[in-house]
Protein backbone atom coordinates (compact mmCIF):
# COMPACT_ATOMS: atom_id res chain seq x y z
CA UNK A 1 -5.64 -3.40 -11.76
CA UNK A 2 -8.86 -2.32 -10.07
CA UNK A 3 -9.61 1.16 -8.74
CA UNK A 4 -11.66 2.32 -5.75
CA UNK A 5 -13.35 5.72 -5.68
CA UNK A 6 -14.82 6.87 -2.36
CA UNK A 7 -17.82 9.11 -3.06
CA UNK A 8 -20.23 8.73 -0.15
CA UNK A 9 -19.82 12.03 1.71
CA UNK A 10 -22.42 14.79 2.10
CA UNK A 11 -19.95 17.65 1.48
CA UNK A 12 -21.87 19.94 3.83
CA UNK A 13 -19.11 22.57 3.69
CA UNK A 14 -19.74 22.98 -0.02
CA UNK A 15 -23.39 23.91 0.38
CA UNK A 16 -25.34 25.36 -1.34
CA UNK A 17 -23.39 23.93 -4.30
CA UNK A 18 -24.11 20.39 -3.09
CA UNK A 19 -27.74 20.87 -2.12
CA UNK A 20 -28.90 19.00 -5.22
CA UNK A 21 -25.87 16.89 -6.18
CA UNK A 22 -22.87 15.12 -4.69
CA UNK A 23 -19.57 16.94 -4.65
CA UNK A 24 -17.99 14.77 -7.31
CA UNK A 25 -20.61 15.83 -9.86
CA UNK A 26 -19.76 19.52 -9.54
CA UNK A 27 -18.43 20.86 -12.81
CA UNK A 28 -15.10 22.65 -12.97
CA UNK A 29 -14.32 23.87 -16.44
CA UNK A 30 -15.66 21.53 -19.13
CA UNK A 31 -16.12 18.41 -16.97
CA UNK A 32 -17.32 17.39 -13.54
CA UNK A 33 -14.77 16.13 -10.99
CA UNK A 34 -15.87 12.49 -11.26
CA UNK A 35 -15.58 12.49 -15.03
CA UNK A 36 -12.04 13.77 -14.80
CA UNK A 37 -11.17 11.05 -12.28
CA UNK A 38 -12.65 8.21 -14.31
CA UNK A 39 -11.10 9.54 -17.53
CA UNK A 40 -7.68 9.45 -15.88
CA UNK A 41 -8.20 5.84 -14.76
CA UNK A 42 -9.40 4.74 -18.20
CA UNK A 43 -6.45 6.49 -19.85
CA UNK A 44 -4.17 4.47 -17.57
CA UNK A 45 -5.78 1.21 -18.70
CA UNK A 46 -8.03 0.56 -15.72
CA UNK A 47 -11.38 -0.98 -16.63
CA UNK A 48 -12.68 -2.17 -13.25
CA UNK A 49 -13.80 0.49 -10.78
CA UNK A 50 -15.45 0.11 -7.37
CA UNK A 51 -17.45 3.18 -6.38
CA UNK A 52 -18.73 3.71 -2.84
CA UNK A 53 -21.74 6.00 -2.85
CA UNK A 54 -23.96 7.50 -0.16
CA UNK A 55 -25.32 11.02 -0.45
CA UNK A 56 -27.36 11.19 -3.68
CA UNK A 57 -25.66 8.02 -4.82
CA UNK A 58 -28.24 7.33 -7.50
CA UNK A 59 -27.03 10.37 -9.41
CA UNK A 60 -23.48 9.03 -9.40
CA UNK A 61 -24.57 5.63 -10.65
CA UNK A 62 -26.69 7.10 -13.44
CA UNK A 63 -23.85 9.37 -14.54
CA UNK A 64 -21.25 6.61 -14.66
CA UNK A 65 -23.39 3.95 -16.29
CA UNK A 66 -24.68 6.46 -18.84
CA UNK A 67 -21.26 7.80 -19.80
CA UNK A 68 -19.00 4.74 -19.49
CA UNK A 69 -20.87 1.71 -20.86
CA UNK A 70 -17.65 -0.25 -21.42
CA UNK A 71 -16.32 0.08 -17.88
CA UNK A 72 -17.00 -2.61 -15.26
CA UNK A 73 -18.40 -0.68 -12.30
CA UNK A 74 -19.18 -2.20 -8.91
CA UNK A 75 -21.35 0.07 -6.79
CA UNK A 76 -21.43 -0.17 -2.99
CA UNK A 77 -23.86 1.90 -0.96
CA UNK A 78 -22.71 3.31 2.36
CA UNK A 79 -26.15 3.56 3.92
CA UNK A 80 -24.58 5.12 7.04
CA UNK A 81 -22.89 7.98 5.18
CA UNK A 82 -24.38 10.57 7.56
CA UNK A 83 -22.62 9.08 10.60
CA UNK A 84 -19.45 7.55 9.13
CA UNK A 85 -16.30 8.80 7.44
CA UNK A 86 -14.18 7.51 4.58
CA UNK A 87 -12.57 4.76 6.68
CA UNK A 88 -15.94 3.03 6.78
CA UNK A 89 -16.48 3.47 3.05
CA UNK A 90 -13.06 1.95 2.37
CA UNK A 91 -13.83 -1.01 4.64
CA UNK A 92 -16.99 -1.70 2.63
CA UNK A 93 -14.85 -2.43 -0.44
CA UNK A 94 -13.28 -5.46 1.25
CA UNK A 95 -15.09 -8.09 -0.87
CA UNK A 96 -13.62 -6.61 -4.04
CA UNK A 97 -10.07 -5.58 -3.17
CA UNK A 98 -8.83 -7.17 0.08
CA UNK A 99 -5.56 -8.93 -0.69
CA UNK A 100 -5.48 -7.45 -4.21
CA UNK A 101 -3.50 -4.62 -5.74
CA UNK A 102 -5.70 -1.57 -6.27
CA UNK A 103 -5.76 2.18 -6.78
CA UNK A 104 -7.49 4.24 -4.07
CA UNK A 105 -8.85 7.70 -4.88
CA UNK A 106 -10.89 10.24 -2.97
CA UNK A 107 -13.66 11.62 -5.18
CA UNK A 108 -13.16 15.29 -4.31
CA UNK A 109 -9.77 15.85 -5.94
CA UNK A 110 -9.36 17.92 -9.07
CA UNK A 111 -6.09 16.73 -10.58
CA UNK A 112 -3.96 16.26 -13.66
CA UNK A 113 -4.55 12.71 -14.90
CA UNK A 114 -0.83 12.13 -15.29
CA UNK A 115 -0.68 11.73 -11.51
CA UNK A 116 -2.43 8.36 -11.83
CA UNK A 117 0.13 7.18 -14.39
CA UNK A 118 3.01 8.31 -12.17
CA UNK A 119 1.64 6.52 -9.10
CA UNK A 120 0.92 3.36 -11.08
CA UNK A 121 4.50 3.31 -12.35
CA UNK A 122 5.89 3.12 -8.81
CA UNK A 123 7.13 -0.36 -7.84
CA UNK A 124 5.46 -0.64 -4.44
CA UNK A 125 2.69 0.75 -2.23
CA UNK A 126 2.84 4.46 -2.97
CA UNK A 127 1.00 7.72 -2.36
CA UNK A 128 0.99 10.91 -4.39
CA UNK A 129 2.52 13.90 -2.61
CA UNK A 130 2.17 17.61 -3.22
CA UNK A 131 4.85 19.77 -1.60
CA UNK A 132 3.51 23.25 -0.83
CA UNK A 133 2.90 25.55 2.12
CA UNK A 134 0.93 23.51 4.63
CA UNK A 135 -1.80 24.40 7.10
CA UNK A 136 -4.00 22.62 9.60
CA UNK A 137 -6.42 21.05 7.11
CA UNK A 138 -4.06 19.02 4.92
CA UNK A 139 -3.22 15.36 5.46
CA UNK A 140 0.49 15.90 6.07
CA UNK A 141 3.28 13.41 5.42
CA UNK A 142 6.52 12.88 7.32
CA UNK A 143 9.10 10.42 6.01
CA UNK A 144 11.93 8.45 7.64
CA UNK A 145 15.57 8.20 6.60
CA UNK A 146 14.63 5.63 3.94
CA UNK A 147 12.04 7.93 2.37
CA UNK A 148 9.13 5.86 3.66
CA UNK A 149 6.10 7.42 5.33
CA UNK A 150 6.56 7.49 9.10
CA UNK A 151 3.61 9.76 9.94
CA UNK A 152 0.49 10.71 8.01
CA UNK A 153 -2.30 12.80 9.53
CA UNK A 154 -3.77 16.27 9.80
CA UNK A 155 -2.17 16.74 13.21
CA UNK A 156 1.47 15.81 12.59
CA UNK A 157 4.16 18.50 12.62
CA UNK A 158 3.93 21.04 9.81
CA UNK A 159 7.64 21.81 10.24
CA UNK A 160 8.65 18.17 9.77
CA UNK A 161 6.20 17.38 6.98
CA UNK A 162 7.48 17.18 3.41
CA UNK A 163 4.06 17.80 1.84
CA UNK A 164 0.43 16.80 1.57
CA UNK A 165 -1.00 13.41 0.67
CA UNK A 166 -3.46 14.36 -2.05
CA UNK A 167 -5.66 11.27 -1.77
CA UNK A 168 -4.38 9.05 -4.57
CA UNK A 169 -2.64 5.81 -3.57
CA UNK A 170 -1.53 2.54 -5.11
CA UNK A 171 -2.02 -0.32 -2.67
CA UNK A 172 -0.03 -3.47 -3.42
CA UNK A 173 -1.44 -6.90 -2.59
CA UNK A 174 0.51 -7.54 0.63
CA UNK A 175 -0.35 -4.10 1.97
CA UNK A 176 -3.98 -4.61 0.98
CA UNK A 177 -4.18 -7.80 3.02
CA UNK A 178 -2.70 -6.09 6.08
CA UNK A 179 -4.88 -3.01 5.57
CA UNK A 180 -8.18 -4.84 5.61
CA UNK A 181 -7.14 -6.92 8.61
CA UNK A 182 -6.46 -3.65 10.43
CA UNK A 183 -9.73 -2.16 9.19
CA UNK A 184 -11.59 -5.18 10.56
CA UNK A 185 -10.10 -4.51 13.98
CA UNK A 186 -10.86 -0.81 13.82
CA UNK A 187 -14.42 -1.06 12.49
CA UNK A 188 -15.74 -4.27 14.02
CA UNK A 189 -13.68 -4.34 17.21
CA UNK A 190 -13.24 -0.66 18.08
CA UNK A 191 -16.15 0.93 16.18
CA UNK A 192 -13.88 3.61 14.71
CA UNK A 193 -16.25 4.47 11.87
CA UNK A 194 -16.10 8.27 11.86
CA UNK A 195 -12.41 8.94 11.17
CA UNK A 196 -10.16 9.22 8.12
CA UNK A 197 -8.72 6.05 6.58
CA UNK A 198 -5.20 7.48 7.01
CA UNK A 199 -5.45 6.41 10.65
CA UNK A 200 -5.28 2.81 9.46
CA UNK A 201 -2.16 3.70 7.45
CA UNK A 202 -0.61 5.10 10.62
CA UNK A 203 -1.41 1.98 12.63
CA UNK A 204 0.24 -0.20 10.01
CA UNK A 205 3.55 1.70 10.12
CA UNK A 206 4.87 0.07 13.34
CA UNK A 207 3.82 -3.29 11.88
CA UNK A 208 6.30 -2.74 9.03
CA UNK A 209 3.82 -1.70 6.34
CA UNK A 210 4.84 1.67 4.93
CA UNK A 211 4.06 3.82 1.93
CA UNK A 212 6.61 5.10 -0.51
CA UNK A 213 6.10 8.60 -1.88
CA UNK A 214 5.84 9.91 -5.43
CA UNK A 215 6.29 13.67 -5.73
CA UNK A 216 3.61 15.10 -8.02
CA UNK A 217 4.12 18.75 -7.07
CA UNK A 218 4.77 19.65 -10.69
CA UNK A 219 1.28 18.45 -11.66
CA UNK A 220 -1.93 20.27 -10.76
CA UNK A 221 -4.07 19.00 -7.90
CA UNK A 222 -6.47 20.55 -5.42
CA UNK A 223 -8.93 19.10 -2.91
CA UNK A 224 -12.38 20.65 -2.88
CA UNK A 225 -13.75 20.94 0.65
CA UNK A 226 -15.33 24.39 0.70
CA UNK A 227 -17.00 26.89 -1.62
CA UNK A 228 -13.77 28.90 -1.43
CA UNK A 229 -11.83 25.83 -2.64
CA UNK A 230 -14.26 25.40 -5.52
CA UNK A 231 -13.97 29.03 -6.61
CA UNK A 232 -10.20 28.86 -6.30
CA UNK A 233 -10.06 25.68 -8.38
CA UNK A 234 -11.97 27.32 -11.17
CA UNK A 235 -9.33 30.05 -11.26
CA UNK A 236 -6.27 27.82 -10.85
CA UNK A 237 -6.99 24.90 -13.14
CA UNK A 238 -4.50 24.91 -16.03
CA UNK A 239 -5.97 25.85 -19.39
CA UNK A 240 -4.98 22.52 -20.92
CA UNK A 241 -7.16 20.76 -18.34
CA UNK A 242 -10.05 23.21 -18.48
């Protein structure tokens, strides 16, 4: 199994905290966010990790190579991080994971590492779901009668949604092949570089490629987009994870 961590963004909404470092190197409790993410992958037996960097990417590379000498990192630079979104960063990982099974993680999630183990244990292409009161900002998930994801976006119905996709997915090999074919069309053909990668997930649904859902609501997770999120995370993180 190989993992992909997307860590190219500028995190402008977290300024001034991110004036001198990328979001994933912000410390919450005893560790920074990226360390917690990599520790959870290593604990699950993953030793190959692709990291897409952009804003202050050299700091990320130095941190990972200095702290995890036994892990096989592949670093990809998104030189266009100022004008692209995470769909473009994901597309850049094509040489390493297209047609292969892989874990996909956003780098701005503070989470209980047991979520990775739970998602890995699922038999097919699966995303981690947190069921809670939803607002406009969350990537919301609606499922069909078979429990498969039928809609996934910020704009889908809050009333119909069963929860939030927290940004941790297991992509099986067949889905991976279809995903990167779709990303090729979106990036190279339609120049859709400044949107979320979940739009590709949505476009694959009518083609018969759907995510299953693993409920991780009982395990701590929070996405850090704003200074308010960061301050809240510092208060909410369980003591055993601190």
